[in-house]
Amino acid sequence: MTRDEIKDMILEIIEDIDEEAEFDQLDPDAPLRDQLDLDSMDFLDIVMELRKRYKLQIPEEEYPQLATLTSCVNYLEPRLKDA
Protein backbone atom coordinates (compact mmCIF):
# COMPACT_ATOMS: atom_id res chain seq x y z
CA MET A 1 0.00 0.00 0.00
CA THR A 2 1.15 3.52 -0.72
CA ARG A 3 1.18 6.26 1.91
CA ASP A 4 -1.87 7.87 0.28
CA GLU A 5 -3.75 4.56 0.26
CA ILE A 6 -2.97 4.05 3.95
CA LYS A 7 -4.12 7.60 4.76
CA ASP A 8 -7.37 7.06 2.83
CA MET A 9 -7.92 3.71 4.55
CA ILE A 10 -7.47 5.27 8.01
CA LEU A 11 -9.92 8.05 7.18
CA GLU A 12 -12.39 5.49 5.80
CA ILE A 13 -12.20 3.48 9.04
CA ILE A 14 -12.73 6.63 11.10
CA GLU A 15 -15.70 7.61 8.93
CA ASP A 16 -17.21 4.13 9.42
CA ILE A 17 -16.91 4.61 13.19
CA ASP A 18 -18.06 8.24 13.25
CA GLU A 19 -20.18 9.22 10.25
CA GLU A 20 -20.15 12.86 11.37
CA ALA A 21 -16.33 13.14 11.30
CA GLU A 22 -15.15 16.25 9.47
CA PHE A 23 -11.87 15.92 7.61
CA ASP A 24 -11.81 19.32 5.86
CA GLN A 25 -9.66 21.05 8.50
CA LEU A 26 -7.76 17.95 9.60
CA ASP A 27 -4.15 18.64 10.57
CA PRO A 28 -2.22 15.43 9.80
CA ASP A 29 0.26 16.20 12.59
CA ALA A 30 -2.23 16.93 15.38
CA PRO A 31 -3.78 14.21 17.54
CA LEU A 32 -6.77 12.60 15.83
CA ARG A 33 -8.60 12.11 19.13
CA ASP A 34 -8.57 15.85 19.82
CA GLN A 35 -9.51 16.93 16.31
CA LEU A 36 -12.28 14.40 15.71
CA ASP A 37 -13.60 14.03 19.24
CA LEU A 38 -12.74 10.34 19.33
CA ASP A 39 -13.01 8.63 22.68
CA SER A 40 -11.04 5.61 23.82
CA MET A 41 -13.68 3.20 22.53
CA ASP A 42 -13.55 4.82 19.09
CA PHE A 43 -9.78 4.46 19.12
CA LEU A 44 -10.06 0.78 20.05
CA ASP A 45 -12.58 0.32 17.25
CA ILE A 46 -9.97 1.67 14.82
CA VAL A 47 -7.37 -0.77 16.13
CA MET A 48 -9.86 -3.66 15.93
CA GLU A 49 -10.80 -2.73 12.37
CA LEU A 50 -7.12 -2.76 11.37
CA ARG A 51 -6.85 -6.22 12.92
CA LYS A 52 -9.96 -7.44 11.13
CA ARG A 53 -9.15 -6.01 7.69
CA TYR A 54 -5.40 -6.50 7.57
CA LYS A 55 -4.63 -9.10 10.27
CA LEU A 56 -2.49 -6.54 12.10
CA GLN A 57 -1.68 -7.13 15.74
CA ILE A 58 -0.93 -3.77 17.32
CA PRO A 59 0.42 -4.09 20.86
CA GLU A 60 -1.13 -1.71 23.37
CA GLU A 61 2.24 -0.12 24.13
CA GLU A 62 2.42 0.96 20.46
CA TYR A 63 -0.98 2.74 20.45
CA PRO A 64 0.68 6.16 20.95
CA GLN A 65 2.25 5.70 17.51
CA LEU A 66 -1.28 5.95 16.08
CA ALA A 67 -1.98 9.37 17.59
CA THR A 68 -1.86 11.49 14.42
CA LEU A 69 -2.67 10.77 10.80
CA THR A 70 1.00 11.14 9.88
CA SER A 71 2.16 8.87 12.69
CA CYS A 72 -0.47 6.28 11.69
CA VAL A 73 0.85 6.25 8.14
CA ASN A 74 4.46 6.06 9.36
CA TYR A 75 3.61 3.18 11.69
CA LEU A 76 1.44 1.23 9.25
CA GLU A 77 3.45 1.72 6.05
CA PRO A 78 6.06 -1.00 6.71
CA ARG A 79 3.38 -3.35 8.06
CA LEU A 80 1.12 -2.92 5.02
CA LYS A 81 3.73 -2.75 2.28
CA ASP A 82 2.52 -6.04 0.80
CA ALA A 83 -1.20 -5.46 1.39
PDB file of N, CA and C in Angstrom:
ATOM      1  N   MET A   1       0.836  -1.186   0.000  1.00  0.00           N
ATOM      2  CA  MET A   1       0.000   0.000   0.000  1.00  0.00           C
ATOM      3  C   MET A   1       0.880   1.248   0.000  1.00  0.00           C
ATOM      4  N   THR A   2       0.441   2.237  -0.718  1.00  0.00           N
ATOM      5  CA  THR A   2       1.153   3.518  -0.717  1.00  0.00           C
ATOM      6  C   THR A   2       0.750   4.327   0.514  1.00  0.00           C
ATOM      7  N   ARG A   3       1.502   5.383   0.775  1.00  0.00           N
ATOM      8  CA  ARG A   3       1.183   6.255   1.912  1.00  0.00           C
ATOM      9  C   ARG A   3      -0.206   6.871   1.742  1.00  0.00           C
ATOM     10  N   ASP A   4      -0.544   7.282   0.523  1.00  0.00           N
ATOM     11  CA  ASP A   4      -1.870   7.870   0.285  1.00  0.00           C
ATOM     12  C   ASP A   4      -2.979   6.846   0.485  1.00  0.00           C
ATOM     13  N   GLU A   5      -2.747   5.612   0.060  1.00  0.00           N
ATOM     14  CA  GLU A   5      -3.749   4.563   0.259  1.00  0.00           C
ATOM     15  C   GLU A   5      -3.951   4.274   1.748  1.00  0.00           C
ATOM     16  N   ILE A   6      -2.870   4.281   2.504  1.00  0.00           N
ATOM     17  CA  ILE A   6      -2.972   4.054   3.954  1.00  0.00           C
ATOM     18  C   ILE A   6      -3.740   5.198   4.598  1.00  0.00           C
ATOM     19  N   LYS A   7      -3.416   6.431   4.216  1.00  0.00           N
ATOM     20  CA  LYS A   7      -4.124   7.600   4.756  1.00  0.00           C
ATOM     21  C   LYS A   7      -5.621   7.499   4.459  1.00  0.00           C
ATOM     22  N   ASP A   8      -5.961   7.187   3.211  1.00  0.00           N
ATOM     23  CA  ASP A   8      -7.369   7.061   2.831  1.00  0.00           C
ATOM     24  C   ASP A   8      -8.057   5.940   3.606  1.00  0.00           C
ATOM     25  N   MET A   9      -7.354   4.838   3.823  1.00  0.00           N
ATOM     26  CA  MET A   9      -7.917   3.706   4.552  1.00  0.00           C
ATOM     27  C   MET A   9      -8.189   4.090   6.008  1.00  0.00           C
ATOM     28  N   ILE A  10      -7.278   4.836   6.621  1.00  0.00           N
ATOM     29  CA  ILE A  10      -7.472   5.269   8.010  1.00  0.00           C
ATOM     30  C   ILE A  10      -8.690   6.193   8.102  1.00  0.00           C
ATOM     31  N   LEU A  11      -8.779   7.132   7.176  1.00  0.00           N
ATOM     32  CA  LEU A  11      -9.924   8.054   7.176  1.00  0.00           C
ATOM     33  C   LEU A  11     -11.228   7.308   6.923  1.00  0.00           C
ATOM     34  N   GLU A  12     -11.186   6.300   6.074  1.00  0.00           N
ATOM     35  CA  GLU A  12     -12.388   5.490   5.805  1.00  0.00           C
ATOM     36  C   GLU A  12     -12.832   4.749   7.067  1.00  0.00           C
ATOM     37  N   ILE A  13     -11.880   4.175   7.790  1.00  0.00           N
ATOM     38  CA  ILE A  13     -12.202   3.477   9.038  1.00  0.00           C
ATOM     39  C   ILE A  13     -12.807   4.455  10.043  1.00  0.00           C
ATOM     40  N   ILE A  14     -12.204   5.633  10.171  1.00  0.00           N
ATOM     41  CA  ILE A  14     -12.727   6.634  11.102  1.00  0.00           C
ATOM     42  C   ILE A  14     -14.137   7.045  10.696  1.00  0.00           C
ATOM     43  N   GLU A  15     -14.366   7.218   9.407  1.00  0.00           N
ATOM     44  CA  GLU A  15     -15.701   7.608   8.934  1.00  0.00           C
ATOM     45  C   GLU A  15     -16.720   6.513   9.208  1.00  0.00           C
ATOM     46  N   ASP A  16     -16.309   5.245   9.094  1.00  0.00           N
ATOM     47  CA  ASP A  16     -17.209   4.131   9.418  1.00  0.00           C
ATOM     48  C   ASP A  16     -17.598   4.158  10.899  1.00  0.00           C
ATOM     49  N   ILE A  17     -16.672   4.565  11.746  1.00  0.00           N
ATOM     50  CA  ILE A  17     -16.914   4.608  13.188  1.00  0.00           C
ATOM     51  C   ILE A  17     -17.720   5.847  13.567  1.00  0.00           C
ATOM     52  N   ASP A  18     -17.392   6.967  12.939  1.00  0.00           N
ATOM     53  CA  ASP A  18     -18.061   8.242  13.252  1.00  0.00           C
ATOM     54  C   ASP A  18     -18.458   8.922  11.938  1.00  0.00           C
ATOM     55  N   GLU A  19     -19.704   8.703  11.534  1.00  0.00           N
ATOM     56  CA  GLU A  19     -20.184   9.224  10.251  1.00  0.00           C
ATOM     57  C   GLU A  19     -20.170  10.747  10.186  1.00  0.00           C
ATOM     58  N   GLU A  20     -20.120  11.400  11.337  1.00  0.00           N
ATOM     59  CA  GLU A  20     -20.145  12.858  11.369  1.00  0.00           C
ATOM     60  C   GLU A  20     -18.739  13.469  11.397  1.00  0.00           C
ATOM     61  N   ALA A  21     -17.714  12.637  11.268  1.00  0.00           N
ATOM     62  CA  ALA A  21     -16.332  13.138  11.305  1.00  0.00           C
ATOM     63  C   ALA A  21     -16.095  14.096  10.147  1.00  0.00           C
ATOM     64  N   GLU A  22     -15.472  15.220  10.463  1.00  0.00           N
ATOM     65  CA  GLU A  22     -15.151  16.251   9.471  1.00  0.00           C
ATOM     66  C   GLU A  22     -13.648  16.224   9.206  1.00  0.00           C
ATOM     67  N   PHE A  23     -13.275  16.008   7.952  1.00  0.00           N
ATOM     68  CA  PHE A  23     -11.865  15.915   7.610  1.00  0.00           C
ATOM     69  C   PHE A  23     -11.343  17.155   6.892  1.00  0.00           C
ATOM     70  N   ASP A  24     -12.207  18.139   6.635  1.00  0.00           N
ATOM     71  CA  ASP A  24     -11.813  19.324   5.860  1.00  0.00           C
ATOM     72  C   ASP A  24     -10.644  20.079   6.496  1.00  0.00           C
ATOM     73  N   GLN A  25     -10.682  20.263   7.792  1.00  0.00           N
ATOM     74  CA  GLN A  25      -9.664  21.048   8.500  1.00  0.00           C
ATOM     75  C   GLN A  25      -8.657  20.163   9.242  1.00  0.00           C
ATOM     76  N   LEU A  26      -8.594  18.897   8.878  1.00  0.00           N
ATOM     77  CA  LEU A  26      -7.758  17.947   9.604  1.00  0.00           C
ATOM     78  C   LEU A  26      -6.276  18.264   9.441  1.00  0.00           C
ATOM     79  N   ASP A  27      -5.598  18.432  10.559  1.00  0.00           N
ATOM     80  CA  ASP A  27      -4.149  18.640  10.571  1.00  0.00           C
ATOM     81  C   ASP A  27      -3.514  17.254  10.733  1.00  0.00           C
ATOM     82  N   PRO A  28      -2.760  16.793   9.736  1.00  0.00           N
ATOM     83  CA  PRO A  28      -2.219  15.434   9.803  1.00  0.00           C
ATOM     84  C   PRO A  28      -1.211  15.223  10.938  1.00  0.00           C
ATOM     85  N   ASP A  29      -0.732  16.326  11.525  1.00  0.00           N
ATOM     86  CA  ASP A  29       0.264  16.204  12.585  1.00  0.00           C
ATOM     87  C   ASP A  29      -0.290  16.498  13.981  1.00  0.00           C
ATOM     88  N   ALA A  30      -1.586  16.706  14.078  1.00  0.00           N
ATOM     89  CA  ALA A  30      -2.231  16.934  15.379  1.00  0.00           C
ATOM     90  C   ALA A  30      -2.973  15.656  15.793  1.00  0.00           C
ATOM     91  N   PRO A  31      -3.108  15.429  17.081  1.00  0.00           N
ATOM     92  CA  PRO A  31      -3.778  14.208  17.541  1.00  0.00           C
ATOM     93  C   PRO A  31      -5.191  14.062  16.966  1.00  0.00           C
ATOM     94  N   LEU A  32      -5.458  12.883  16.408  1.00  0.00           N
ATOM     95  CA  LEU A  32      -6.769  12.600  15.833  1.00  0.00           C
ATOM     96  C   LEU A  32      -7.862  12.663  16.890  1.00  0.00           C
ATOM     97  N   ARG A  33      -7.576  12.154  18.080  1.00  0.00           N
ATOM     98  CA  ARG A  33      -8.597  12.113  19.134  1.00  0.00           C
ATOM     99  C   ARG A  33      -9.093  13.504  19.466  1.00  0.00           C
ATOM    100  N   ASP A  34      -8.187  14.480  19.493  1.00  0.00           N
ATOM    101  CA  ASP A  34      -8.569  15.850  19.820  1.00  0.00           C
ATOM    102  C   ASP A  34      -9.343  16.499  18.678  1.00  0.00           C
ATOM    103  N   GLN A  35      -8.897  16.271  17.469  1.00  0.00           N
ATOM    104  CA  GLN A  35      -9.512  16.932  16.314  1.00  0.00           C
ATOM    105  C   GLN A  35     -10.881  16.364  15.965  1.00  0.00           C
ATOM    106  N   LEU A  36     -11.043  15.061  16.146  1.00  0.00           N
ATOM    107  CA  LEU A  36     -12.275  14.400  15.705  1.00  0.00           C
ATOM    108  C   LEU A  36     -13.160  13.970  16.858  1.00  0.00           C
ATOM    109  N   ASP A  37     -12.796  14.380  18.060  1.00  0.00           N
ATOM    110  CA  ASP A  37     -13.600  14.032  19.238  1.00  0.00           C
ATOM    111  C   ASP A  37     -13.768  12.520  19.392  1.00  0.00           C
ATOM    112  N   LEU A  38     -12.696  11.787  19.173  1.00  0.00           N
ATOM    113  CA  LEU A  38     -12.738  10.336  19.326  1.00  0.00           C
ATOM    114  C   LEU A  38     -12.477   9.984  20.781  1.00  0.00           C
ATOM    115  N   ASP A  39     -13.277   9.083  21.318  1.00  0.00           N
ATOM    116  CA  ASP A  39     -13.009   8.634  22.682  1.00  0.00           C
ATOM    117  C   ASP A  39     -12.197   7.341  22.635  1.00  0.00           C
ATOM    118  N   SER A  40     -11.895   6.794  23.782  1.00  0.00           N
ATOM    119  CA  SER A  40     -11.038   5.606  23.820  1.00  0.00           C
ATOM    120  C   SER A  40     -11.693   4.408  23.138  1.00  0.00           C
ATOM    121  N   MET A  41     -13.000   4.301  23.215  1.00  0.00           N
ATOM    122  CA  MET A  41     -13.684   3.196  22.532  1.00  0.00           C
ATOM    123  C   MET A  41     -13.585   3.359  21.009  1.00  0.00           C
ATOM    124  N   ASP A  42     -13.711   4.578  20.520  1.00  0.00           N
ATOM    125  CA  ASP A  42     -13.550   4.821  19.086  1.00  0.00           C
ATOM    126  C   ASP A  42     -12.146   4.414  18.649  1.00  0.00           C
ATOM    127  N   PHE A  43     -11.159   4.791  19.456  1.00  0.00           N
ATOM    128  CA  PHE A  43      -9.782   4.456  19.121  1.00  0.00           C
ATOM    129  C   PHE A  43      -9.596   2.939  19.079  1.00  0.00           C
ATOM    130  N   LEU A  44     -10.151   2.239  20.049  1.00  0.00           N
ATOM    131  CA  LEU A  44     -10.059   0.776  20.054  1.00  0.00           C
ATOM    132  C   LEU A  44     -10.778   0.180  18.857  1.00  0.00           C
ATOM    133  N   ASP A  45     -11.877   0.783  18.446  1.00  0.00           N
ATOM    134  CA  ASP A  45     -12.582   0.322  17.245  1.00  0.00           C
ATOM    135  C   ASP A  45     -11.686   0.437  16.014  1.00  0.00           C
ATOM    136  N   ILE A  46     -10.901   1.504  15.941  1.00  0.00           N
ATOM    137  CA  ILE A  46      -9.970   1.674  14.821  1.00  0.00           C
ATOM    138  C   ILE A  46      -8.936   0.552  14.835  1.00  0.00           C
ATOM    139  N   VAL A  47      -8.371   0.293  15.997  1.00  0.00           N
ATOM    140  CA  VAL A  47      -7.370  -0.771  16.132  1.00  0.00           C
ATOM    141  C   VAL A  47      -7.981  -2.126  15.760  1.00  0.00           C
ATOM    142  N   MET A  48      -9.196  -2.384  16.230  1.00  0.00           N
ATOM    143  CA  MET A  48      -9.858  -3.662  15.932  1.00  0.00           C
ATOM    144  C   MET A  48     -10.154  -3.794  14.437  1.00  0.00           C
ATOM    145  N   GLU A  49     -10.522  -2.704  13.808  1.00  0.00           N
ATOM    146  CA  GLU A  49     -10.797  -2.728  12.372  1.00  0.00           C
ATOM    147  C   GLU A  49      -9.514  -3.014  11.585  1.00  0.00           C
ATOM    148  N   LEU A  50      -8.403  -2.455  12.011  1.00  0.00           N
ATOM    149  CA  LEU A  50      -7.117  -2.756  11.371  1.00  0.00           C
ATOM    150  C   LEU A  50      -6.785  -4.237  11.517  1.00  0.00           C
ATOM    151  N   ARG A  51      -7.082  -4.788  12.687  1.00  0.00           N
ATOM    152  CA  ARG A  51      -6.849  -6.217  12.916  1.00  0.00           C
ATOM    153  C   ARG A  51      -7.740  -7.055  11.999  1.00  0.00           C
ATOM    154  N   LYS A  52      -9.006  -6.674  11.925  1.00  0.00           N
ATOM    155  CA  LYS A  52      -9.957  -7.443  11.129  1.00  0.00           C
ATOM    156  C   LYS A  52      -9.630  -7.381   9.632  1.00  0.00           C
ATOM    157  N   ARG A  53      -9.373  -6.183   9.127  1.00  0.00           N
ATOM    158  CA  ARG A  53      -9.147  -6.011   7.688  1.00  0.00           C
ATOM    159  C   ARG A  53      -7.792  -6.509   7.220  1.00  0.00           C
ATOM    160  N   TYR A  54      -6.764  -6.268   8.033  1.00  0.00           N
ATOM    161  CA  TYR A  54      -5.395  -6.497   7.566  1.00  0.00           C
ATOM    162  C   TYR A  54      -4.605  -7.473   8.435  1.00  0.00           C
ATOM    163  N   LYS A  55      -5.273  -8.121   9.389  1.00  0.00           N
ATOM    164  CA  LYS A  55      -4.627  -9.099  10.270  1.00  0.00           C
ATOM    165  C   LYS A  55      -3.436  -8.497  11.010  1.00  0.00           C
ATOM    166  N   LEU A  56      -3.551  -7.219  11.367  1.00  0.00           N
ATOM    167  CA  LEU A  56      -2.488  -6.541  12.103  1.00  0.00           C
ATOM    168  C   LEU A  56      -2.701  -6.701  13.600  1.00  0.00           C
ATOM    169  N   GLN A  57      -1.657  -7.082  14.282  1.00  0.00           N
ATOM    170  CA  GLN A  57      -1.680  -7.125  15.737  1.00  0.00           C
ATOM    171  C   GLN A  57      -0.897  -5.910  16.225  1.00  0.00           C
ATOM    172  N   ILE A  58      -1.578  -4.983  16.841  1.00  0.00           N
ATOM    173  CA  ILE A  58      -0.929  -3.768  17.324  1.00  0.00           C
ATOM    174  C   ILE A  58      -0.889  -3.836  18.852  1.00  0.00           C
ATOM    175  N   PRO A  59       0.308  -4.017  19.401  1.00  0.00           N
ATOM    176  CA  PRO A  59       0.420  -4.090  20.863  1.00  0.00           C
ATOM    177  C   PRO A  59      -0.004  -2.776  21.516  1.00  0.00           C
ATOM    178  N   GLU A  60      -0.604  -2.891  22.669  1.00  0.00           N
ATOM    179  CA  GLU A  60      -1.129  -1.709  23.366  1.00  0.00           C
ATOM    180  C   GLU A  60      -0.050  -0.652  23.609  1.00  0.00           C
ATOM    181  N   GLU A  61       1.175  -1.089  23.865  1.00  0.00           N
ATOM    182  CA  GLU A  61       2.240  -0.116  24.127  1.00  0.00           C
ATOM    183  C   GLU A  61       2.620   0.682  22.871  1.00  0.00           C
ATOM    184  N   GLU A  62       2.153   0.240  21.708  1.00  0.00           N
ATOM    185  CA  GLU A  62       2.421   0.964  20.458  1.00  0.00           C
ATOM    186  C   GLU A  62       1.263   1.868  20.036  1.00  0.00           C
ATOM    187  N   TYR A  63       0.172   1.877  20.779  1.00  0.00           N
ATOM    188  CA  TYR A  63      -0.977   2.740  20.447  1.00  0.00           C
ATOM    189  C   TYR A  63      -0.591   4.212  20.298  1.00  0.00           C
ATOM    190  N   PRO A  64       0.324   4.739  21.125  1.00  0.00           N
ATOM    191  CA  PRO A  64       0.681   6.155  20.950  1.00  0.00           C
ATOM    192  C   PRO A  64       1.225   6.478  19.555  1.00  0.00           C
ATOM    193  N   GLN A  65       1.741   5.480  18.858  1.00  0.00           N
ATOM    194  CA  GLN A  65       2.250   5.704  17.509  1.00  0.00           C
ATOM    195  C   GLN A  65       1.122   5.915  16.501  1.00  0.00           C
ATOM    196  N   LEU A  66      -0.115   5.743  16.938  1.00  0.00           N
ATOM    197  CA  LEU A  66      -1.281   5.945  16.075  1.00  0.00           C
ATOM    198  C   LEU A  66      -2.009   7.246  16.418  1.00  0.00           C
ATOM    199  N   ALA A  67      -1.330   8.156  17.080  1.00  0.00           N
ATOM    200  CA  ALA A  67      -1.981   9.366  17.587  1.00  0.00           C
ATOM    201  C   ALA A  67      -2.402  10.335  16.490  1.00  0.00           C
ATOM    202  N   THR A  68      -1.552  10.543  15.486  1.00  0.00           N
ATOM    203  CA  THR A  68      -1.862  11.490  14.416  1.00  0.00           C
ATOM    204  C   THR A  68      -1.999  10.748  13.104  1.00  0.00           C
ATOM    205  N   LEU A  69      -2.546  11.402  12.110  1.00  0.00           N
ATOM    206  CA  LEU A  69      -2.673  10.770  10.804  1.00  0.00           C
ATOM    207  C   LEU A  69      -1.290  10.445  10.242  1.00  0.00           C
ATOM    208  N   THR A  70      -0.360  11.374  10.375  1.00  0.00           N
ATOM    209  CA  THR A  70       1.000  11.144   9.875  1.00  0.00           C
ATOM    210  C   THR A  70       1.665   9.989  10.608  1.00  0.00           C
ATOM    211  N   SER A  71       1.530   9.956  11.936  1.00  0.00           N
ATOM    212  CA  SER A  71       2.165   8.869  12.686  1.00  0.00           C
ATOM    213  C   SER A  71       1.514   7.526  12.379  1.00  0.00           C
ATOM    214  N   CYS A  72       0.212   7.516  12.107  1.00  0.00           N
ATOM    215  CA  CYS A  72      -0.468   6.281  11.690  1.00  0.00           C
ATOM    216  C   CYS A  72       0.142   5.756  10.397  1.00  0.00           C
ATOM    217  N   VAL A  73       0.287   6.649   9.436  1.00  0.00           N
ATOM    218  CA  VAL A  73       0.848   6.248   8.140  1.00  0.00           C
ATOM    219  C   VAL A  73       2.278   5.744   8.336  1.00  0.00           C
ATOM    220  N   ASN A  74       3.074   6.466   9.111  1.00  0.00           N
ATOM    221  CA  ASN A  74       4.463   6.057   9.362  1.00  0.00           C
ATOM    222  C   ASN A  74       4.530   4.688  10.035  1.00  0.00           C
ATOM    223  N   TYR A  75       3.634   4.450  10.976  1.00  0.00           N
ATOM    224  CA  TYR A  75       3.607   3.178  11.695  1.00  0.00           C
ATOM    225  C   TYR A  75       3.119   2.035  10.804  1.00  0.00           C
ATOM    226  N   LEU A  76       2.070   2.303  10.032  1.00  0.00           N
ATOM    227  CA  LEU A  76       1.442   1.233   9.250  1.00  0.00           C
ATOM    228  C   LEU A  76       2.148   0.935   7.925  1.00  0.00           C
ATOM    229  N   GLU A  77       2.846   1.906   7.377  1.00  0.00           N
ATOM    230  CA  GLU A  77       3.452   1.724   6.049  1.00  0.00           C
ATOM    231  C   GLU A  77       4.317   0.459   5.946  1.00  0.00           C
ATOM    232  N   PRO A  78       5.270   0.224   6.848  1.00  0.00           N
ATOM    233  CA  PRO A  78       6.065  -1.004   6.706  1.00  0.00           C
ATOM    234  C   PRO A  78       5.254  -2.286   6.957  1.00  0.00           C
ATOM    235  N   ARG A  79       4.197  -2.178   7.756  1.00  0.00           N
ATOM    236  CA  ARG A  79       3.381  -3.348   8.065  1.00  0.00           C
ATOM    237  C   ARG A  79       2.390  -3.694   6.951  1.00  0.00           C
ATOM    238  N   LEU A  80       2.091  -2.710   6.103  1.00  0.00           N
ATOM    239  CA  LEU A  80       1.118  -2.915   5.023  1.00  0.00           C
ATOM    240  C   LEU A  80       1.755  -2.850   3.635  1.00  0.00           C
ATOM    241  N   LYS A  81       3.072  -2.917   3.566  1.00  0.00           N
ATOM    242  CA  LYS A  81       3.733  -2.745   2.280  1.00  0.00           C
ATOM    243  C   LYS A  81       3.322  -3.800   1.258  1.00  0.00           C
ATOM    244  N   ASP A  82       2.926  -4.973   1.718  1.00  0.00           N
ATOM    245  CA  ASP A  82       2.525  -6.045   0.799  1.00  0.00           C
ATOM    246  C   ASP A  82       1.013  -6.215   0.709  1.00  0.00           C
ATOM    247  N   ALA A  83       0.276  -5.329   1.366  1.00  0.00           N
ATOM    248  CA  ALA A  83      -1.199  -5.460   1.393  1.00  0.00           C
ATOM    249  C   ALA A  83      -1.803  -4.950   0.097  1.00  0.00           C
TER     250      ALA A  83
END
